Amino acid sequence: SSSLEIKEEPAKEPEGGPADTSDLDFWLEAAPPPAQSQSQPEINAVLEESQEPQKEAKEADNADEEEKEKKPSKPKKKHKKEKVKSKEEKRSGKKSHRQQSEEQPAESLQNGTVDDEALPPMSSYCLLAENSYIKMTYDIQGDLQKESQVTVSVILENLSNSFIKNMELNVLDSLNTKMMRPEGVSVHDGIPVPFQLPPGISNEARFVFTIQNIVMPQKLKGTLSFIVKDDEGSSHEKLDFKLHFSCTSYMITTPCYSDAFAKLLESGELMASSLKVDGITISFQHLLAKICFHHHFSVVERVDSCASMYSRSIQGHHVCLLVKKGENSVSVDGKCDEATLLENLLNEMRETLAKS
């Protein structure tokens, strides 16, 4: 395809076959790849334009070094000037490339350019527990470099007029999921929170969990114990909670080239499942943004009211989606190399879309 011709280093297919992760580590923007909406001469012109300033800057650097030997004082200013000029030229080259990719034909993006629609603010933090003293919200993030770990970030906010100190958080381990504890701390002991909370103050603590199987969601019971201190004295308090590990929390936003996406679908190794949600009133742009933000997907390609999306789990599962928006509904066709994981991801996505 034309996108492969432009790429100087096309993705190679190692022994792992077409679904190998080396094909899937390239970043794409949310808009369709420029190669599919631009003609080859236009792209070449953009590439030449962006490469020209680099060539000029290099020649200027060589000329400056020669002059430096003859006149050590003056060329410094010239070099600085040339450098600024080359930087400006580089910027203009990049700008023109981006402008061309954003100024796509109307049919490739439903709402014109990506920036046409102002999206409402979104937060990945969910309420964990709350009482009259303290409010707990949390978010779970995975890391592709650590396939058996996730980090739980907990924001603790002091809602009272008292001083909160000596906080300890404990979560009961399951066979599948365990909280990593400092050396010498038993499973029955809580992990000390490394800060105190004056009235009205919030702070964030992070806790690492090891996971064995990620294809099912699960909930773990936990307790935050703390001391409340005011003018009248101190009291020991606690707040119980349930920590929900959704299948979405094991997914990593991993953009993917359209040719690598096509290879995955053609591999025959993926299992399919689908869902449909009625009563959707938000725009397609907003809908895609919600899926990307809350479920950690990236847009591979979008044409009108149809988009292909991709994500990968911390254990390397590939998840491919085809999202289509009707007049007041949305359908999602999914494919994944783990059927149970896909089913649970779509159920979680259904909940998000039902709130739209």
Protein backbone atom coordinates (compact mmCIF):
# COMPACT_ATOMS: atom_id res chain seq x y z
CA SER A 1 0.00 0.00 0.00
CA SER A 2 1.03 3.65 -0.33
CA SER A 3 1.54 3.95 3.45
CA LEU A 4 4.18 1.21 3.32
CA GLU A 5 6.00 2.93 0.44
CA ILE A 6 6.34 6.15 2.40
CA LYS A 7 7.64 4.42 5.50
CA GLU A 8 11.42 4.07 5.29
CA GLU A 9 11.43 1.18 7.75
CA PRO A 10 8.36 -1.01 7.10
CA ALA A 11 7.33 -3.41 9.82
CA LYS A 12 9.03 -6.79 9.39
CA GLU A 13 7.27 -10.05 10.09
CA PRO A 14 9.38 -12.05 12.57
CA GLU A 15 8.90 -15.72 13.27
CA GLY A 16 5.89 -14.95 15.48
CA GLY A 17 3.72 -14.48 12.37
CA PRO A 18 1.34 -11.73 11.38
CA ALA A 19 0.00 -11.12 14.87
CA ASP A 20 3.51 -10.36 16.19
CA THR A 21 3.71 -7.31 18.45
CA SER A 22 6.48 -5.69 16.38
CA ASP A 23 3.87 -4.69 13.80
CA LEU A 24 1.76 -2.97 16.43
CA ASP A 25 4.10 -0.55 18.20
CA PHE A 26 3.79 2.40 15.82
CA TRP A 27 1.74 5.45 16.81
CA LEU A 28 -1.15 6.72 14.76
CA GLU A 29 -3.17 9.85 15.19
CA ALA A 30 -6.93 9.63 15.73
CA ALA A 31 -7.51 10.72 12.14
CA PRO A 32 -7.03 8.26 9.25
CA PRO A 33 -3.45 7.82 8.04
CA PRO A 34 -2.46 10.71 5.74
CA ALA A 35 -1.33 8.27 3.03
CA GLN A 36 -4.88 7.12 2.41
CA SER A 37 -6.31 10.58 1.85
CA GLN A 38 -3.38 12.29 0.10
CA SER A 39 -1.88 11.57 -3.25
CA GLN A 40 1.72 10.33 -3.40
CA PRO A 41 3.16 13.53 -5.00
CA GLU A 42 1.64 15.66 -2.23
CA ILE A 43 3.21 13.51 0.47
CA ASN A 44 6.57 13.49 -1.26
CA ALA A 45 6.41 17.27 -1.49
CA VAL A 46 5.73 17.48 2.24
CA LEU A 47 8.57 15.09 3.04
CA GLU A 48 10.96 17.02 0.80
CA GLU A 49 9.88 20.26 2.42
CA SER A 50 10.53 18.90 5.91
CA GLN A 51 13.89 17.38 4.88
CA GLU A 52 15.17 20.55 3.11
CA PRO A 53 15.64 22.62 6.28
CA GLN A 54 17.62 19.75 7.85
CA LYS A 55 19.94 19.72 4.83
CA GLU A 56 20.34 23.51 4.97
CA ALA A 57 20.97 23.39 8.71
CA LYS A 58 23.64 20.72 8.23
CA GLU A 59 25.40 22.74 5.50
CA ALA A 60 25.21 25.84 7.67
CA ASP A 61 26.77 23.95 10.58
CA ASN A 62 29.68 22.74 8.37
CA ALA A 63 30.26 26.25 7.01
CA ASP A 64 30.24 27.67 10.51
CA GLU A 65 32.84 25.17 11.71
CA GLU A 66 35.18 26.17 8.88
CA GLU A 67 34.73 29.88 9.67
CA LYS A 68 35.18 29.17 13.36
CA GLU A 69 38.85 28.29 12.78
CA LYS A 70 39.44 31.57 10.92
CA LYS A 71 37.24 33.94 12.97
CA PRO A 72 36.39 32.50 16.39
CA SER A 73 34.27 35.45 17.60
CA LYS A 74 31.83 36.49 14.85
CA PRO A 75 30.62 33.15 13.42
CA LYS A 76 29.01 32.31 16.75
CA LYS A 77 26.28 34.88 16.12
CA LYS A 78 25.80 33.68 12.56
CA HIS A 79 25.55 30.09 13.72
CA LYS A 80 22.92 31.07 16.26
CA LYS A 81 20.98 32.94 13.61
CA GLU A 82 21.15 30.04 11.17
CA LYS A 83 20.06 27.64 13.91
CA VAL A 84 16.99 29.74 14.74
CA LYS A 85 16.19 30.00 11.03
CA SER A 86 16.49 26.26 10.50
CA LYS A 87 14.31 25.61 13.54
CA GLU A 88 11.64 27.93 12.16
CA GLU A 89 11.84 26.22 8.77
CA LYS A 90 11.53 22.83 10.42
CA ARG A 91 8.48 24.02 12.29
CA SER A 92 6.88 25.35 9.14
CA GLY A 93 7.60 22.02 7.42
CA LYS A 94 5.95 20.09 10.24
CA LYS A 95 3.07 22.51 10.35
CA SER A 96 2.30 22.12 6.66
CA HIS A 97 2.36 18.33 7.04
CA ARG A 98 -0.06 18.47 9.93
CA GLN A 99 -2.29 20.98 8.19
CA GLN A 100 -2.56 18.72 5.15
CA SER A 101 -3.39 15.67 7.29
CA GLU A 102 -6.03 17.59 9.23
CA GLU A 103 -7.58 19.20 6.16
CA GLN A 104 -9.05 15.89 5.02
CA PRO A 105 -12.00 15.59 2.64
CA ALA A 106 -15.32 15.90 4.47
CA GLU A 107 -16.19 12.22 4.02
CA SER A 108 -13.17 10.98 6.02
CA LEU A 109 -14.16 12.71 9.25
CA GLN A 110 -17.81 13.08 10.23
CA ASN A 111 -17.31 16.35 12.11
CA GLY A 112 -14.72 17.93 9.83
CA THR A 113 -11.39 18.17 11.62
CA VAL A 114 -10.73 16.49 14.94
CA ASP A 115 -10.68 19.83 16.76
CA ASP A 116 -14.09 21.01 15.52
CA GLU A 117 -15.97 19.62 18.50
CA ALA A 118 -15.21 20.62 22.08
CA LEU A 119 -15.45 17.47 24.20
CA PRO A 120 -16.59 17.60 27.85
CA PRO A 121 -13.93 16.95 30.53
CA MET A 122 -13.50 13.30 31.49
CA SER A 123 -11.85 11.69 34.52
CA SER A 124 -10.54 8.15 34.83
CA TYR A 125 -10.88 8.23 38.64
CA CYS A 126 -13.87 6.46 40.20
CA LEU A 127 -15.30 6.73 43.70
CA LEU A 128 -13.92 3.99 45.95
CA ALA A 129 -15.47 4.92 49.32
CA GLU A 130 -16.51 7.96 51.35
CA ASN A 131 -17.55 8.91 54.89
CA SER A 132 -17.74 12.15 56.89
CA TYR A 133 -13.94 12.22 57.32
CA ILE A 134 -12.42 11.07 54.08
CA LYS A 135 -13.17 10.49 50.38
CA MET A 136 -11.31 7.88 48.31
CA THR A 137 -11.18 7.84 44.50
CA TYR A 138 -9.02 5.50 42.44
CA ASP A 139 -7.66 4.63 39.01
CA ILE A 140 -5.89 1.47 37.79
CA GLN A 141 -3.12 1.60 35.19
CA GLY A 142 -1.20 -1.22 33.53
CA ASP A 143 2.24 -1.24 31.92
CA LEU A 144 3.23 -3.23 28.82
CA GLN A 145 6.70 -3.71 30.34
CA LYS A 146 5.20 -5.47 33.38
CA GLU A 147 2.74 -8.05 32.14
CA SER A 148 1.67 -9.28 35.58
CA GLN A 149 1.34 -5.94 37.41
CA VAL A 150 -1.02 -2.99 37.69
CA THR A 151 -0.69 0.18 39.74
CA VAL A 152 -3.66 1.41 41.76
CA SER A 153 -3.58 5.17 42.35
CA VAL A 154 -5.76 6.25 45.29
CA ILE A 155 -6.57 9.92 45.94
CA LEU A 156 -7.38 10.53 49.61
CA GLU A 157 -9.25 13.76 50.44
CA ASN A 158 -9.82 15.05 53.96
CA LEU A 159 -13.46 16.21 54.12
CA SER A 160 -13.38 17.15 57.80
CA ASN A 161 -12.03 20.02 59.89
CA SER A 162 -9.78 17.61 61.77
CA PHE A 163 -6.24 16.38 61.13
CA ILE A 164 -5.99 12.85 59.67
CA LYS A 165 -2.81 10.85 60.30
CA ASN A 166 -1.41 7.30 60.64
CA MET A 167 -3.32 6.05 57.59
CA GLU A 168 -2.88 2.41 56.61
CA LEU A 169 -4.43 0.66 53.62
CA ASN A 170 -4.97 -3.07 53.46
CA VAL A 171 -6.52 -5.21 50.71
CA LEU A 172 -7.34 -8.90 51.16
CA ASP A 173 -5.43 -10.96 48.62
CA SER A 174 -7.12 -13.51 46.36
CA LEU A 175 -5.51 -16.48 44.62
CA ASN A 176 -5.33 -14.43 41.44
CA THR A 177 -4.52 -10.92 42.70
CA LYS A 178 -2.13 -9.89 45.46
CA MET A 179 -0.99 -6.54 46.81
CA MET A 180 2.79 -6.11 46.80
CA ARG A 181 3.90 -5.31 50.35
CA PRO A 182 7.16 -3.98 51.80
CA GLU A 183 9.56 -6.60 53.12
CA GLY A 184 8.55 -7.86 56.54
CA VAL A 185 4.88 -6.80 56.21
CA SER A 186 2.45 -9.72 56.47
CA VAL A 187 -0.76 -10.11 54.46
CA HIS A 188 -2.73 -9.20 57.58
CA ASP A 189 -0.98 -5.86 58.04
CA GLY A 190 -1.83 -2.66 56.23
CA ILE A 191 0.61 -0.64 54.13
CA PRO A 192 1.35 2.77 55.70
CA VAL A 193 0.24 5.75 53.58
CA PRO A 194 3.33 8.01 53.28
CA PHE A 195 1.61 11.30 54.18
CA GLN A 196 -0.85 12.99 56.55
CA LEU A 197 -3.90 15.04 55.62
CA PRO A 198 -4.63 18.46 57.13
CA PRO A 199 -8.26 19.67 56.84
CA GLY A 200 -9.45 20.09 53.24
CA ILE A 201 -6.25 18.64 51.74
CA SER A 202 -5.99 15.72 49.28
CA ASN A 203 -3.01 13.62 48.20
CA GLU A 204 -2.34 10.50 46.13
CA ALA A 205 -0.87 7.15 47.17
CA ARG A 206 0.06 4.31 44.81
CA PHE A 207 -0.10 0.58 45.41
CA VAL A 208 1.13 -2.20 43.11
CA PHE A 209 -0.78 -5.46 42.59
CA THR A 210 0.32 -8.65 40.85
CA ILE A 211 -2.23 -10.38 38.61
CA GLN A 212 -2.14 -13.91 37.22
CA ASN A 213 -5.23 -14.12 35.00
CA ILE A 214 -6.73 -10.97 33.49
CA VAL A 215 -9.66 -12.34 31.47
CA MET A 216 -12.21 -11.87 34.28
CA PRO A 217 -13.05 -8.79 36.36
CA GLN A 218 -12.85 -9.12 40.13
CA LYS A 219 -13.42 -7.22 43.37
CA LEU A 220 -11.18 -7.28 46.43
CA LYS A 221 -12.25 -6.11 49.89
CA GLY A 222 -10.09 -3.55 51.63
CA THR A 223 -9.94 -1.17 54.60
CA LEU A 224 -8.37 2.21 55.22
CA SER A 225 -7.65 2.75 58.93
CA PHE A 226 -6.61 6.17 60.28
CA ILE A 227 -6.51 8.47 63.32
CA VAL A 228 -8.60 11.65 63.46
CA LYS A 229 -7.12 14.34 65.68
CA ASP A 230 -8.84 17.58 66.74
CA ASP A 231 -8.95 19.91 69.78
CA GLU A 232 -11.01 17.42 71.74
CA GLY A 233 -8.55 14.56 71.24
CA SER A 234 -7.99 11.64 68.83
CA SER A 235 -10.08 8.73 67.63
CA HIS A 236 -9.36 5.62 65.57
CA GLU A 237 -11.52 5.36 62.46
CA LYS A 238 -11.77 3.08 59.44
CA LEU A 239 -13.36 3.06 56.00
CA ASP A 240 -14.18 -0.21 54.21
CA PHE A 241 -14.19 -0.46 50.41
CA LYS A 242 -14.29 -2.87 47.47
CA LEU A 243 -11.56 -2.43 44.86
CA HIS A 244 -12.91 -3.28 41.40
CA PHE A 245 -10.40 -4.63 38.88
CA SER A 246 -12.26 -4.40 35.57
CA CYS A 247 -10.92 -6.06 32.43
CA THR A 248 -10.54 -2.55 31.01
CA SER A 249 -7.98 -1.79 33.72
CA TYR A 250 -5.69 -4.41 32.17
CA MET A 251 -5.78 -2.75 28.73
CA ILE A 252 -3.08 -0.39 27.41
CA THR A 253 -3.73 2.30 24.79
CA THR A 254 -1.58 1.01 21.91
CA PRO A 255 -1.98 2.72 18.52
CA CYS A 256 -1.61 0.51 15.48
CA TYR A 257 -0.98 0.97 11.75
CA SER A 258 -3.89 0.02 9.50
CA ASP A 259 -1.82 -2.61 7.65
CA ALA A 260 -0.87 -4.33 10.94
CA PHE A 261 -4.53 -4.13 11.98
CA ALA A 262 -5.57 -5.80 8.71
CA LYS A 263 -3.00 -8.57 9.23
CA LEU A 264 -4.46 -9.29 12.68
CA LEU A 265 -7.98 -9.60 11.28
CA GLU A 266 -6.77 -11.86 8.46
CA SER A 267 -4.73 -14.12 10.77
CA GLY A 268 -7.72 -16.30 11.62
CA GLU A 269 -6.57 -16.44 15.26
CA LEU A 270 -9.15 -13.99 16.64
CA MET A 271 -12.59 -14.81 18.04
CA ALA A 272 -15.58 -12.53 17.47
CA SER A 273 -18.30 -11.00 19.61
CA SER A 274 -20.53 -7.94 19.24
CA LEU A 275 -22.94 -5.61 20.99
CA LYS A 276 -25.51 -2.98 20.10
CA VAL A 277 -26.67 -0.09 22.28
CA ASP A 278 -29.77 1.99 21.48
CA GLY A 279 -30.64 5.48 22.65
CA ILE A 280 -27.26 7.05 21.76
CA THR A 281 -27.60 10.81 21.40
CA ILE A 282 -23.98 11.99 21.54
CA SER A 283 -21.92 12.65 18.41
CA PHE A 284 -19.69 9.98 16.89
CA GLN A 285 -16.62 12.04 17.77
CA HIS A 286 -17.64 12.17 21.44
CA LEU A 287 -18.50 8.46 21.42
CA LEU A 288 -15.05 7.51 20.08
CA ALA A 289 -13.41 9.80 22.63
CA LYS A 290 -15.24 7.99 25.46
CA ILE A 291 -14.14 4.56 24.21
CA CYS A 292 -10.54 5.77 23.83
CA PHE A 293 -10.44 7.46 27.23
CA HIS A 294 -12.37 5.05 29.45
CA HIS A 295 -11.44 1.77 27.74
CA HIS A 296 -7.90 2.55 26.57
CA PHE A 297 -8.41 2.11 22.81
CA SER A 298 -6.86 4.03 19.92
CA VAL A 299 -8.47 4.88 16.57
CA VAL A 300 -6.82 3.06 13.67
CA GLU A 301 -8.96 4.57 10.92
CA ARG A 302 -12.18 6.52 10.72
CA VAL A 303 -14.49 7.13 7.76
CA ASP A 304 -17.82 8.91 8.27
CA SER A 305 -19.72 7.12 11.10
CA CYS A 306 -17.50 4.05 11.12
CA ALA A 307 -14.16 3.54 12.88
CA SER A 308 -11.70 0.72 13.50
CA MET A 309 -10.07 0.70 16.95
CA TYR A 310 -7.30 -1.26 18.67
CA SER A 311 -5.95 -1.99 22.14
CA ARG A 312 -3.65 -4.52 23.78
CA SER A 313 -3.69 -6.08 27.24
CA ILE A 314 -0.77 -6.13 29.68
CA GLN A 315 -0.38 -9.82 28.79
CA GLY A 316 -0.32 -9.16 25.03
CA HIS A 317 -3.91 -9.96 24.00
CA HIS A 318 -4.96 -8.12 20.84
CA VAL A 319 -8.41 -6.49 20.78
CA CYS A 320 -9.81 -5.12 17.50
CA LEU A 321 -13.09 -3.21 17.23
CA LEU A 322 -15.28 -1.97 14.40
CA VAL A 323 -17.58 0.78 15.74
CA LYS A 324 -20.56 1.94 13.67
CA LYS A 325 -23.03 4.65 14.64
CA GLY A 326 -26.62 4.60 13.44
CA GLU A 327 -29.13 7.40 13.85
CA ASN A 328 -29.73 6.69 17.56
CA SER A 329 -27.66 3.58 18.17
CA VAL A 330 -24.13 2.21 18.07
CA SER A 331 -22.90 -1.28 17.20
CA VAL A 332 -19.51 -2.66 18.17
CA ASP A 333 -18.05 -5.74 16.48
CA GLY A 334 -15.05 -7.02 18.41
CA LYS A 335 -12.32 -9.58 17.76
CA CYS A 336 -9.76 -10.89 20.25
CA ASP A 337 -7.48 -13.89 20.75
CA GLU A 338 -9.18 -14.50 24.13
CA ALA A 339 -12.96 -14.94 23.92
CA THR A 340 -13.72 -14.45 27.65
CA LEU A 341 -11.68 -11.26 27.83
CA LEU A 342 -13.48 -9.84 24.77
CA GLU A 343 -16.92 -10.69 26.19
CA ASN A 344 -16.13 -8.93 29.47
CA LEU A 345 -14.61 -5.90 27.74
CA LEU A 346 -17.74 -5.48 25.61
CA ASN A 347 -19.98 -5.76 28.68
CA GLU A 348 -17.98 -2.99 30.37
CA MET A 349 -18.18 -0.92 27.19
CA ARG A 350 -21.95 -1.43 27.08
CA GLU A 351 -22.22 0.20 30.54
CA THR A 352 -20.20 3.21 29.39
CA LEU A 353 -22.20 3.65 26.17
CA ALA A 354 -25.54 3.21 27.96
CA LYS A 355 -24.72 6.34 29.98
CA SER A 356 -24.18 8.34 26.75
